[in-house]
Amino acid sequence: MALGGLAGSSAAFLFAFLGPVYAILALGPHRATAWFVFYLVVLVGLILVDPILSSTIEPQPYPLRLIFYAANLGVPLGITFVMLRYTDLRRREAQTRADDLLFNAIPIPIAARLKRGERRIAETYPATTVLFADLAGFTPWAQQTDPARVVGFLDGLFTRFDELAEEHGVEKIKTIGDAYMAVAGAPEPLADHAAAAMAVARGMLRAMAEVRTRLDLPLELRIGMASGPVVGGVIGQRRILFDLWGDTVNLASRMESSGVAGRIHVARSSRDLLRDSCSFEERGTVEVKGLGRMTTYLLADPKASA
């Protein structure tokens, strides 16, 4: 107003726009709306009084008006650009962190489908090998051991298992306490899924043997495997998890729970796929809930296992 209104002040009112722009950063988009409305109200008021101001206040000299005009456009718009750039960088960093968490929680192909807006994901995977691993003797050892040492041991061991799974194209599904579950052939098909799962299983036993010797632990790893079709998908809206269902999952779990510490216990389905590359010894018959009695096998080379 002192410079002669909207036209005479060479767009000085643009500086006022920094108020609602900064309010977005400081208060959030919803609370900043009131500041933008206030900005528009003041602008309308200046438009109404501009004819009076323009007729009563002499215009500034042209060189001064030109300098004012450049400053009043360049400075607030430059500050607005810096604020928008800062906001977008923060948004991208937050998005990257969120993506990292999502991709660590569920397989990348499934996460990509969720990001595209799919609500319920369920697929049948016809050729997979499911692996379960569990620490024999863990519960009594954990009860007598400092919790920090227990957590540190599991973190180090399962991190090594994760590296083995990634190395062989096997997908980690979840951990429950001291149990580890993985699958080869889902959600991405894998032609040699049984061989990949066996390579991971052998690597797990070697990693466990190294840790047991180094830390002098009274623990052994028990591993079970089964091959066949599974159903996989994501259900629920909170703490989502990609999980597997079906007889193959139940059988692999039973192979682990009825297995031998320090050995790899497999169902006939996995034995048939690996018989040309691995040697097995017949274990006998095992009662499988819902599936009856089945003949199972142990990897025959203990040295290769351990």
C-alpha atoms as a PDB file:
ATOM      1  CA  MET A   1       0.000   0.000   0.000  1.00  0.00           C
ATOM      2  CA  ALA A   2       2.876   2.369   0.776  1.00  0.00           C
ATOM      3  CA  LEU A   3       4.287   1.808  -2.709  1.00  0.00           C
ATOM      4  CA  GLY A   4       1.025   2.489  -4.511  1.00  0.00           C
ATOM      5  CA  GLY A   5      -1.094  -0.669  -4.453  1.00  0.00           C
ATOM      6  CA  LEU A   6      -0.794  -3.950  -6.315  1.00  0.00           C
ATOM      7  CA  ALA A   7       0.326  -2.488  -9.617  1.00  0.00           C
ATOM      8  CA  GLY A   8       2.471   0.286  -8.182  1.00  0.00           C
ATOM      9  CA  SER A   9       4.309  -1.941  -5.685  1.00  0.00           C
ATOM     10  CA  SER A  10       5.754  -4.173  -8.430  1.00  0.00           C
ATOM     11  CA  ALA A  11       4.269  -7.474  -7.183  1.00  0.00           C
ATOM     12  CA  ALA A  12       5.518  -7.065  -3.601  1.00  0.00           C
ATOM     13  CA  PHE A  13       2.482  -8.998  -2.423  1.00  0.00           C
ATOM     14  CA  LEU A  14       4.093 -12.208  -3.709  1.00  0.00           C
ATOM     15  CA  PHE A  15       6.159 -12.241  -0.506  1.00  0.00           C
ATOM     16  CA  ALA A  16       2.921 -12.868   1.405  1.00  0.00           C
ATOM     17  CA  PHE A  17       2.519 -16.146  -0.453  1.00  0.00           C
ATOM     18  CA  LEU A  18       5.469 -17.511   1.547  1.00  0.00           C
ATOM     19  CA  GLY A  19       3.160 -17.601   4.574  1.00  0.00           C
ATOM     20  CA  PRO A  20       0.865 -20.433   3.356  1.00  0.00           C
ATOM     21  CA  VAL A  21       3.825 -22.158   1.653  1.00  0.00           C
ATOM     22  CA  TYR A  22       5.788 -22.331   4.903  1.00  0.00           C
ATOM     23  CA  ALA A  23       2.618 -23.295   6.774  1.00  0.00           C
ATOM     24  CA  ILE A  24       2.498 -26.494   4.683  1.00  0.00           C
ATOM     25  CA  LEU A  25       5.939 -27.455   6.001  1.00  0.00           C
ATOM     26  CA  ALA A  26       5.387 -26.325   9.580  1.00  0.00           C
ATOM     27  CA  LEU A  27       1.735 -27.248  10.161  1.00  0.00           C
ATOM     28  CA  GLY A  28       0.844 -29.797   7.497  1.00  0.00           C
ATOM     29  CA  PRO A  29      -1.440 -29.486   4.462  1.00  0.00           C
ATOM     30  CA  HIS A  30      -4.745 -29.448   6.350  1.00  0.00           C
ATOM     31  CA  ARG A  31      -3.884 -26.706   8.861  1.00  0.00           C
ATOM     32  CA  ALA A  32      -2.098 -24.698   6.151  1.00  0.00           C
ATOM     33  CA  THR A  33      -5.334 -24.318   4.182  1.00  0.00           C
ATOM     34  CA  ALA A  34      -6.563 -21.603   6.581  1.00  0.00           C
ATOM     35  CA  TRP A  35      -3.415 -19.569   5.903  1.00  0.00           C
ATOM     36  CA  PHE A  36      -3.964 -19.806   2.148  1.00  0.00           C
ATOM     37  CA  VAL A  37      -7.587 -18.673   2.579  1.00  0.00           C
ATOM     38  CA  PHE A  38      -6.354 -15.744   4.690  1.00  0.00           C
ATOM     39  CA  TYR A  39      -3.871 -14.882   1.906  1.00  0.00           C
ATOM     40  CA  LEU A  40      -6.700 -14.812  -0.657  1.00  0.00           C
ATOM     41  CA  VAL A  41      -8.863 -12.628   1.607  1.00  0.00           C
ATOM     42  CA  VAL A  42      -6.061 -10.063   1.968  1.00  0.00           C
ATOM     43  CA  LEU A  43      -5.458 -10.177  -1.792  1.00  0.00           C
ATOM     44  CA  VAL A  44      -9.132  -9.461  -2.500  1.00  0.00           C
ATOM     45  CA  GLY A  45      -9.004  -6.570  -0.022  1.00  0.00           C
ATOM     46  CA  LEU A  46      -5.988  -5.058  -1.785  1.00  0.00           C
ATOM     47  CA  ILE A  47      -7.727  -5.393  -5.140  1.00  0.00           C
ATOM     48  CA  LEU A  48     -10.691  -3.449  -3.771  1.00  0.00           C
ATOM     49  CA  VAL A  49      -8.564  -0.559  -2.445  1.00  0.00           C
ATOM     50  CA  ASP A  50      -6.104  -0.554  -5.332  1.00  0.00           C
ATOM     51  CA  PRO A  51      -7.994   2.050  -7.449  1.00  0.00           C
ATOM     52  CA  ILE A  52      -7.837   4.495  -4.533  1.00  0.00           C
ATOM     53  CA  LEU A  53      -4.169   3.890  -3.809  1.00  0.00           C
ATOM     54  CA  SER A  54      -3.184   4.085  -7.484  1.00  0.00           C
ATOM     55  CA  SER A  55      -4.814   7.471  -7.885  1.00  0.00           C
ATOM     56  CA  THR A  56      -3.408   9.043  -4.699  1.00  0.00           C
ATOM     57  CA  ILE A  57       0.199   7.761  -4.572  1.00  0.00           C
ATOM     58  CA  GLU A  58       2.715   8.763  -7.218  1.00  0.00           C
ATOM     59  CA  PRO A  59       4.421   5.838  -8.959  1.00  0.00           C
ATOM     60  CA  GLN A  60       8.067   5.149  -8.180  1.00  0.00           C
ATOM     61  CA  PRO A  61      10.739   5.940 -10.786  1.00  0.00           C
ATOM     62  CA  TYR A  62      10.950   3.313 -13.517  1.00  0.00           C
ATOM     63  CA  PRO A  63      14.480   1.996 -12.642  1.00  0.00           C
ATOM     64  CA  LEU A  64      13.385   1.494  -9.025  1.00  0.00           C
ATOM     65  CA  ARG A  65      10.151  -0.178 -10.105  1.00  0.00           C
ATOM     66  CA  LEU A  66      12.129  -2.490 -12.396  1.00  0.00           C
ATOM     67  CA  ILE A  67      14.464  -3.501  -9.538  1.00  0.00           C
ATOM     68  CA  PHE A  68      11.509  -4.026  -7.213  1.00  0.00           C
ATOM     69  CA  TYR A  69       9.687  -6.083  -9.830  1.00  0.00           C
ATOM     70  CA  ALA A  70      12.652  -8.407 -10.365  1.00  0.00           C
ATOM     71  CA  ALA A  71      13.239  -8.787  -6.635  1.00  0.00           C
ATOM     72  CA  ASN A  72       9.569  -9.306  -5.815  1.00  0.00           C
ATOM     73  CA  LEU A  73       9.293 -12.083  -8.386  1.00  0.00           C
ATOM     74  CA  GLY A  74      12.692 -13.742  -8.051  1.00  0.00           C
ATOM     75  CA  VAL A  75      13.113 -13.851  -4.277  1.00  0.00           C
ATOM     76  CA  PRO A  76       9.737 -15.310  -3.165  1.00  0.00           C
ATOM     77  CA  LEU A  77       9.557 -17.702  -6.107  1.00  0.00           C
ATOM     78  CA  GLY A  78      13.131 -18.812  -5.416  1.00  0.00           C
ATOM     79  CA  ILE A  79      12.308 -19.423  -1.749  1.00  0.00           C
ATOM     80  CA  THR A  80       9.178 -21.315  -2.802  1.00  0.00           C
ATOM     81  CA  PHE A  81      11.274 -23.511  -5.089  1.00  0.00           C
ATOM     82  CA  VAL A  82      13.747 -24.265  -2.268  1.00  0.00           C
ATOM     83  CA  MET A  83      10.875 -25.211   0.055  1.00  0.00           C
ATOM     84  CA  LEU A  84       9.253 -27.457  -2.548  1.00  0.00           C
ATOM     85  CA  ARG A  85      12.573 -29.115  -3.344  1.00  0.00           C
ATOM     86  CA  TYR A  86      13.242 -29.732   0.341  1.00  0.00           C
ATOM     87  CA  THR A  87       9.758 -31.213   0.778  1.00  0.00           C
ATOM     88  CA  ASP A  88      10.131 -33.491  -2.227  1.00  0.00           C
ATOM     89  CA  LEU A  89      13.556 -34.743  -1.084  1.00  0.00           C
ATOM     90  CA  ARG A  90      12.127 -35.575   2.339  1.00  0.00           C
ATOM     91  CA  ARG A  91       9.167 -37.310   0.676  1.00  0.00           C
ATOM     92  CA  ARG A  92      11.456 -39.396  -1.524  1.00  0.00           C
ATOM     93  CA  GLU A  93      13.628 -40.383   1.454  1.00  0.00           C
ATOM     94  CA  ALA A  94      10.548 -41.427   3.405  1.00  0.00           C
ATOM     95  CA  GLN A  95       9.246 -43.374   0.397  1.00  0.00           C
ATOM     96  CA  THR A  96      12.586 -45.162   0.040  1.00  0.00           C
ATOM     97  CA  ARG A  97      12.570 -46.137   3.710  1.00  0.00           C
ATOM     98  CA  ALA A  98       8.973 -47.348   3.426  1.00  0.00           C
ATOM     99  CA  ASP A  99       9.818 -49.381   0.304  1.00  0.00           C
ATOM    100  CA  ASP A 100      12.834 -50.919   2.026  1.00  0.00           C
ATOM    101  CA  LEU A 101      10.678 -51.969   4.967  1.00  0.00           C
ATOM    102  CA  LEU A 102       7.988 -53.354   2.662  1.00  0.00           C
ATOM    103  CA  PHE A 103      10.459 -55.263   0.482  1.00  0.00           C
ATOM    104  CA  ASN A 104      12.107 -56.713   3.593  1.00  0.00           C
ATOM    105  CA  ALA A 105       8.749 -57.856   4.942  1.00  0.00           C
ATOM    106  CA  ILE A 106       7.338 -59.491   1.802  1.00  0.00           C
ATOM    107  CA  PRO A 107       8.736 -60.589  -1.588  1.00  0.00           C
ATOM    108  CA  ILE A 108       9.434 -57.789  -4.059  1.00  0.00           C
ATOM    109  CA  PRO A 109       6.937 -59.008  -6.743  1.00  0.00           C
ATOM    110  CA  ILE A 110       4.164 -59.176  -4.124  1.00  0.00           C
ATOM    111  CA  ALA A 111       5.108 -55.756  -2.718  1.00  0.00           C
ATOM    112  CA  ALA A 112       4.969 -54.260  -6.216  1.00  0.00           C
ATOM    113  CA  ARG A 113       1.441 -55.600  -6.687  1.00  0.00           C
ATOM    114  CA  LEU A 114       0.355 -54.153  -3.342  1.00  0.00           C
ATOM    115  CA  LYS A 115       1.769 -50.758  -4.298  1.00  0.00           C
ATOM    116  CA  ARG A 116      -0.268 -50.877  -7.508  1.00  0.00           C
ATOM    117  CA  GLY A 117      -3.400 -51.126  -5.376  1.00  0.00           C
ATOM    118  CA  GLU A 118      -4.233 -54.849  -5.324  1.00  0.00           C
ATOM    119  CA  ARG A 119      -6.109 -55.647  -2.137  1.00  0.00           C
ATOM    120  CA  ARG A 120      -6.097 -59.420  -1.954  1.00  0.00           C
ATOM    121  CA  ILE A 121      -3.325 -61.495  -3.488  1.00  0.00           C
ATOM    122  CA  ALA A 122      -3.593 -65.273  -3.768  1.00  0.00           C
ATOM    123  CA  GLU A 123      -1.787 -67.494  -6.276  1.00  0.00           C
ATOM    124  CA  THR A 124      -1.189 -71.204  -6.801  1.00  0.00           C
ATOM    125  CA  TYR A 125       2.451 -72.156  -7.290  1.00  0.00           C
ATOM    126  CA  PRO A 126       2.571 -75.658  -8.792  1.00  0.00           C
ATOM    127  CA  ALA A 127       6.289 -76.451  -8.357  1.00  0.00           C
ATOM    128  CA  THR A 128       7.952 -75.453  -5.094  1.00  0.00           C
ATOM    129  CA  THR A 129      10.128 -76.834  -2.324  1.00  0.00           C
ATOM    130  CA  VAL A 130       9.328 -75.676   1.196  1.00  0.00           C
ATOM    131  CA  LEU A 131      12.035 -75.690   3.869  1.00  0.00           C
ATOM    132  CA  PHE A 132      11.661 -75.507   7.629  1.00  0.00           C
ATOM    133  CA  ALA A 133      14.599 -75.240  10.041  1.00  0.00           C
ATOM    134  CA  ASP A 134      14.456 -75.334  13.825  1.00  0.00           C
ATOM    135  CA  LEU A 135      17.016 -75.295  16.629  1.00  0.00           C
ATOM    136  CA  ALA A 136      16.938 -78.469  18.698  1.00  0.00           C
ATOM    137  CA  GLY A 137      17.580 -77.717  22.383  1.00  0.00           C
ATOM    138  CA  PHE A 138      16.903 -73.995  22.003  1.00  0.00           C
ATOM    139  CA  THR A 139      14.173 -73.570  24.639  1.00  0.00           C
ATOM    140  CA  PRO A 140      16.126 -74.843  27.682  1.00  0.00           C
ATOM    141  CA  TRP A 141      19.271 -73.056  26.504  1.00  0.00           C
ATOM    142  CA  ALA A 142      17.408 -69.749  26.049  1.00  0.00           C
ATOM    143  CA  GLN A 143      15.881 -70.000  29.520  1.00  0.00           C
ATOM    144  CA  GLN A 144      19.347 -70.219  31.066  1.00  0.00           C
ATOM    145  CA  THR A 145      21.044 -67.612  28.857  1.00  0.00           C
ATOM    146  CA  ASP A 146      21.131 -63.819  28.966  1.00  0.00           C
ATOM    147  CA  PRO A 147      18.386 -62.463  26.643  1.00  0.00           C
ATOM    148  CA  ALA A 148      20.806 -60.140  24.855  1.00  0.00           C
ATOM    149  CA  ARG A 149      23.031 -63.097  23.977  1.00  0.00           C
ATOM    150  CA  VAL A 150      20.033 -65.109  22.754  1.00  0.00           C
ATOM    151  CA  VAL A 151      18.830 -62.299  20.495  1.00  0.00           C
ATOM    152  CA  GLY A 152      22.347 -61.607  19.224  1.00  0.00           C
ATOM    153  CA  PHE A 153      22.872 -65.278  18.395  1.00  0.00           C
ATOM    154  CA  LEU A 154      19.549 -65.591  16.519  1.00  0.00           C
ATOM    155  CA  ASP A 155      20.130 -62.325  14.672  1.00  0.00           C
ATOM    156  CA  GLY A 156      23.559 -63.410  13.470  1.00  0.00           C
ATOM    157  CA  LEU A 157      22.453 -66.926  12.515  1.00  0.00           C
ATOM    158  CA  PHE A 158      19.272 -65.882  10.721  1.00  0.00           C
ATOM    159  CA  THR A 159      21.105 -63.101   8.911  1.00  0.00           C
ATOM    160  CA  ARG A 160      23.434 -65.769   7.530  1.00  0.00           C
ATOM    161  CA  PHE A 161      20.384 -67.847   6.547  1.00  0.00           C
ATOM    162  CA  ASP A 162      18.960 -64.808   4.744  1.00  0.00           C
ATOM    163  CA  GLU A 163      22.199 -64.436   2.794  1.00  0.00           C
ATOM    164  CA  LEU A 164      22.108 -68.100   1.795  1.00  0.00           C
ATOM    165  CA  ALA A 165      18.490 -67.809   0.647  1.00  0.00           C
ATOM    166  CA  GLU A 166      19.239 -64.749  -1.455  1.00  0.00           C
ATOM    167  CA  GLU A 167      22.338 -66.381  -2.930  1.00  0.00           C
ATOM    168  CA  HIS A 168      20.362 -69.386  -4.200  1.00  0.00           C
ATOM    169  CA  GLY A 169      17.163 -67.592  -5.253  1.00  0.00           C
ATOM    170  CA  VAL A 170      15.132 -68.928  -2.344  1.00  0.00           C
ATOM    171  CA  GLU A 171      12.482 -66.754  -0.695  1.00  0.00           C
ATOM    172  CA  LYS A 172      12.436 -66.374   3.059  1.00  0.00           C
ATOM    173  CA  ILE A 173       8.858 -66.509   4.302  1.00  0.00           C
ATOM    174  CA  LYS A 174       9.106 -65.869   8.040  1.00  0.00           C
ATOM    175  CA  THR A 175      10.725 -66.696  11.346  1.00  0.00           C
ATOM    176  CA  ILE A 176       8.794 -67.772  14.426  1.00  0.00           C
ATOM    177  CA  GLY A 177      10.983 -67.839  17.507  1.00  0.00           C
ATOM    178  CA  ASP A 178      13.883 -70.122  16.613  1.00  0.00           C
ATOM    179  CA  ALA A 179      12.149 -71.557  13.515  1.00  0.00           C
ATOM    180  CA  TYR A 180      12.969 -70.432   9.969  1.00  0.00           C
ATOM    181  CA  MET A 181      10.734 -70.986   6.922  1.00  0.00           C
ATOM    182  CA  ALA A 182      11.689 -70.511   3.263  1.00  0.00           C
ATOM    183  CA  VAL A 183      10.450 -71.596  -0.161  1.00  0.00           C
ATOM    184  CA  ALA A 184      12.029 -72.134  -3.559  1.00  0.00           C
ATOM    185  CA  GLY A 185       9.755 -71.622  -6.572  1.00  0.00           C
ATOM    186  CA  ALA A 186       7.420 -68.975  -5.141  1.00  0.00           C
ATOM    187  CA  PRO A 187       6.490 -66.257  -5.781  1.00  0.00           C
ATOM    188  CA  GLU A 188       8.978 -66.432  -8.673  1.00  0.00           C
ATOM    189  CA  PRO A 189       9.154 -69.780 -10.516  1.00  0.00           C
ATOM    190  CA  LEU A 190      12.439 -71.654 -10.164  1.00  0.00           C
ATOM    191  CA  ALA A 191      13.223 -74.623 -12.419  1.00  0.00           C
ATOM    192  CA  ASP A 192      15.618 -76.314  -9.978  1.00  0.00           C
ATOM    193  CA  HIS A 193      13.694 -75.382  -6.838  1.00  0.00           C
ATOM    194  CA  ALA A 194      14.527 -78.617  -4.991  1.00  0.00           C
ATOM    195  CA  ALA A 195      18.260 -78.267  -5.684  1.00  0.00           C
ATOM    196  CA  ALA A 196      18.200 -74.622  -4.590  1.00  0.00           C
ATOM    197  CA  ALA A 197      16.425 -75.492  -1.343  1.00  0.00           C
ATOM    198  CA  MET A 198      18.885 -78.327  -0.686  1.00  0.00           C
ATOM    199  CA  ALA A 199      21.830 -75.975  -1.267  1.00  0.00           C
ATOM    200  CA  VAL A 200      20.373 -73.574   1.286  1.00  0.00           C
ATOM    201  CA  ALA A 201      19.748 -76.417   3.750  1.00  0.00           C
ATOM    202  CA  ARG A 202      23.340 -77.627   3.485  1.00  0.00           C
ATOM    203  CA  GLY A 203      24.601 -74.069   3.897  1.00  0.00           C
ATOM    204  CA  MET A 204      22.444 -73.679   6.994  1.00  0.00           C
ATOM    205  CA  LEU A 205      23.994 -76.744   8.605  1.00  0.00           C
ATOM    206  CA  ARG A 206      27.498 -75.529   7.831  1.00  0.00           C
ATOM    207  CA  ALA A 207      26.703 -72.082   9.245  1.00  0.00           C
ATOM    208  CA  MET A 208      25.223 -73.654  12.371  1.00  0.00           C
ATOM    209  CA  ALA A 209      28.270 -75.882  12.830  1.00  0.00           C
ATOM    210  CA  GLU A 210      30.572 -72.860  12.624  1.00  0.00           C
ATOM    211  CA  VAL A 211      28.528 -70.868  15.134  1.00  0.00           C
ATOM    212  CA  ARG A 212      28.168 -73.817  17.512  1.00  0.00           C
ATOM    213  CA  THR A 213      31.938 -74.377  17.534  1.00  0.00           C
ATOM    214  CA  ARG A 214      32.798 -70.702  17.876  1.00  0.00           C
ATOM    215  CA  LEU A 215      30.315 -69.994  20.674  1.00  0.00           C
ATOM    216  CA  ASP A 216      30.392 -73.452  22.275  1.00  0.00           C
ATOM    217  CA  LEU A 217      26.614 -73.898  22.076  1.00  0.00           C
ATOM    218  CA  PRO A 218      24.651 -77.052  22.955  1.00  0.00           C
ATOM    219  CA  LEU A 219      22.380 -76.594  19.915  1.00  0.00           C
ATOM    220  CA  GLU A 220      21.755 -78.496  16.687  1.00  0.00           C
ATOM    221  CA  LEU A 221      19.814 -77.509  13.580  1.00  0.00           C
ATOM    222  CA  ARG A 222      16.978 -79.738  12.395  1.00  0.00           C
ATOM    223  CA  ILE A 223      15.807 -79.249   8.784  1.00  0.00           C
ATOM    224  CA  GLY A 224      12.787 -80.609   6.910  1.00  0.00           C
ATOM    225  CA  MET A 225      11.894 -80.298   3.215  1.00  0.00           C
ATOM    226  CA  ALA A 226       8.989 -81.230   0.963  1.00  0.00           C
ATOM    227  CA  SER A 227       8.182 -80.434  -2.655  1.00  0.00           C
ATOM    228  CA  GLY A 228       4.897 -79.849  -4.438  1.00  0.00           C
ATOM    229  CA  PRO A 229       2.218 -77.219  -5.075  1.00  0.00           C
ATOM    230  CA  VAL A 230       1.373 -74.495  -2.576  1.00  0.00           C
ATOM    231  CA  VAL A 231      -1.019 -71.577  -2.327  1.00  0.00           C
ATOM    232  CA  GLY A 232       0.602 -68.264  -1.438  1.00  0.00           C
ATOM    233  CA  GLY A 233      -0.803 -64.863  -0.773  1.00  0.00           C
ATOM    234  CA  VAL A 234      -1.279 -61.845   1.438  1.00  0.00           C
ATOM    235  CA  ILE A 235      -4.272 -61.563   3.733  1.00  0.00           C
ATOM    236  CA  GLY A 236      -5.350 -58.898   6.202  1.00  0.00           C
ATOM    237  CA  GLN A 237      -4.589 -55.179   6.336  1.00  0.00           C
ATOM    238  CA  ARG A 238      -2.340 -54.860   9.402  1.00  0.00           C
ATOM    239  CA  ARG A 239       1.195 -56.296   9.696  1.00  0.00           C
ATOM    240  CA  ILE A 240       0.747 -57.933   6.313  1.00  0.00           C
ATOM    241  CA  LEU A 241       2.766 -61.037   5.523  1.00  0.00           C
ATOM    242  CA  PHE A 242       3.222 -63.217   2.463  1.00  0.00           C
ATOM    243  CA  ASP A 243       2.460 -66.760   3.617  1.00  0.00           C
ATOM    244  CA  LEU A 244       2.002 -70.255   2.197  1.00  0.00           C
ATOM    245  CA  TRP A 245      -0.681 -72.881   2.683  1.00  0.00           C
ATOM    246  CA  GLY A 246      -1.300 -76.446   1.552  1.00  0.00           C
ATOM    247  CA  ASP A 247      -0.287 -80.057   2.067  1.00  0.00           C
ATOM    248  CA  THR A 248       3.280 -79.368   0.940  1.00  0.00           C
ATOM    249  CA  VAL A 249       3.708 -76.815   3.727  1.00  0.00           C
ATOM    250  CA  ASN A 250       2.247 -79.180   6.310  1.00  0.00           C
ATOM    251  CA  LEU A 251       4.474 -82.005   5.099  1.00  0.00           C
ATOM    252  CA  ALA A 252       7.640 -79.886   5.189  1.00  0.00           C
ATOM    253  CA  SER A 253       6.793 -78.762   8.708  1.00  0.00           C
ATOM    254  CA  ARG A 254       6.287 -82.384   9.740  1.00  0.00           C
ATOM    255  CA  MET A 255       9.629 -83.336   8.164  1.00  0.00           C
ATOM    256  CA  GLU A 256      11.299 -80.759  10.368  1.00  0.00           C
ATOM    257  CA  SER A 257       9.496 -81.595  13.608  1.00  0.00           C
ATOM    258  CA  SER A 258      10.088 -85.351  13.190  1.00  0.00           C
ATOM    259  CA  GLY A 259      13.599 -84.976  11.838  1.00  0.00           C
ATOM    260  CA  VAL A 260      17.016 -85.717  13.287  1.00  0.00           C
ATOM    261  CA  ALA A 261      19.187 -83.002  14.822  1.00  0.00           C
ATOM    262  CA  GLY A 262      22.020 -82.075  12.510  1.00  0.00           C
ATOM    263  CA  ARG A 263      20.436 -83.802   9.491  1.00  0.00           C
ATOM    264  CA  ILE A 264      18.247 -82.895   6.518  1.00  0.00           C
ATOM    265  CA  HIS A 265      14.963 -84.822   6.544  1.00  0.00           C
ATOM    266  CA  VAL A 266      13.036 -84.869   3.246  1.00  0.00           C
ATOM    267  CA  ALA A 267       9.756 -86.193   1.939  1.00  0.00           C
ATOM    268  CA  ARG A 268       9.575 -88.546  -1.019  1.00  0.00           C
ATOM    269  CA  SER A 269       8.545 -85.647  -3.248  1.00  0.00           C
ATOM    270  CA  SER A 270      11.869 -83.902  -2.664  1.00  0.00           C
ATOM    271  CA  ARG A 271      13.852 -87.155  -2.768  1.00  0.00           C
ATOM    272  CA  ASP A 272      12.464 -87.936  -6.233  1.00  0.00           C
ATOM    273  CA  LEU A 273      13.589 -84.546  -7.558  1.00  0.00           C
ATOM    274  CA  LEU A 274      17.070 -84.841  -6.039  1.00  0.00           C
ATOM    275  CA  ARG A 275      17.850 -88.535  -6.401  1.00  0.00           C
ATOM    276  CA  ASP A 276      20.194 -87.916  -9.357  1.00  0.00           C
ATOM    277  CA  SER A 277      22.315 -85.368  -7.479  1.00  0.00           C
ATOM    278  CA  CYS A 278      22.082 -86.463  -3.827  1.00  0.00           C
ATOM    279  CA  SER A 279      22.278 -89.716  -1.889  1.00  0.00           C
ATOM    280  CA  PHE A 280      19.555 -90.540   0.606  1.00  0.00           C
ATOM    281  CA  GLU A 281      18.948 -93.194   3.204  1.00  0.00           C
ATOM    282  CA  GLU A 282      15.436 -94.345   3.999  1.00  0.00           C
ATOM    283  CA  ARG A 283      14.310 -93.135   7.402  1.00  0.00           C
ATOM    284  CA  GLY A 284      11.151 -95.181   7.694  1.00  0.00           C
ATOM    285  CA  THR A 285       7.524 -94.154   7.984  1.00  0.00           C
ATOM    286  CA  VAL A 286       6.314 -90.989   9.659  1.00  0.00           C
ATOM    287  CA  GLU A 287       2.748 -90.146  10.637  1.00  0.00           C
ATOM    288  CA  VAL A 288       1.742 -86.872   8.945  1.00  0.00           C
ATOM    289  CA  LYS A 289      -1.357 -85.167  10.262  1.00  0.00           C
ATOM    290  CA  GLY A 290      -4.045 -85.202   7.600  1.00  0.00           C
ATOM    291  CA  LEU A 291      -1.881 -87.177   5.163  1.00  0.00           C
ATOM    292  CA  GLY A 292      -1.357 -90.505   6.956  1.00  0.00           C
ATOM    293  CA  ARG A 293       1.867 -92.505   7.177  1.00  0.00           C
ATOM    294  CA  MET A 294       4.634 -91.723   4.707  1.00  0.00           C
ATOM    295  CA  THR A 295       8.112 -93.005   3.910  1.00  0.00           C
ATOM    296  CA  THR A 296      10.743 -90.318   4.461  1.00  0.00           C
ATOM    297  CA  TYR A 297      14.462 -89.951   3.827  1.00  0.00           C
ATOM    298  CA  LEU A 298      17.618 -88.432   5.302  1.00  0.00           C
ATOM    299  CA  LEU A 299      20.410 -86.923   3.273  1.00  0.00           C
ATOM    300  CA  ALA A 300      22.887 -89.811   3.312  1.00  0.00           C
ATOM    301  CA  ASP A 301      26.156 -87.890   3.584  1.00  0.00           C
ATOM    302  CA  PRO A 302      26.408 -86.516   7.140  1.00  0.00           C
ATOM    303  CA  LYS A 303      29.653 -84.706   6.326  1.00  0.00           C
ATOM    304  CA  ALA A 304      27.989 -82.865   3.460  1.00  0.00           C
ATOM    305  CA  SER A 305      25.158 -81.976   5.801  1.00  0.00           C
ATOM    306  CA  ALA A 306      27.190 -80.928   8.805  1.00  0.00           C
END
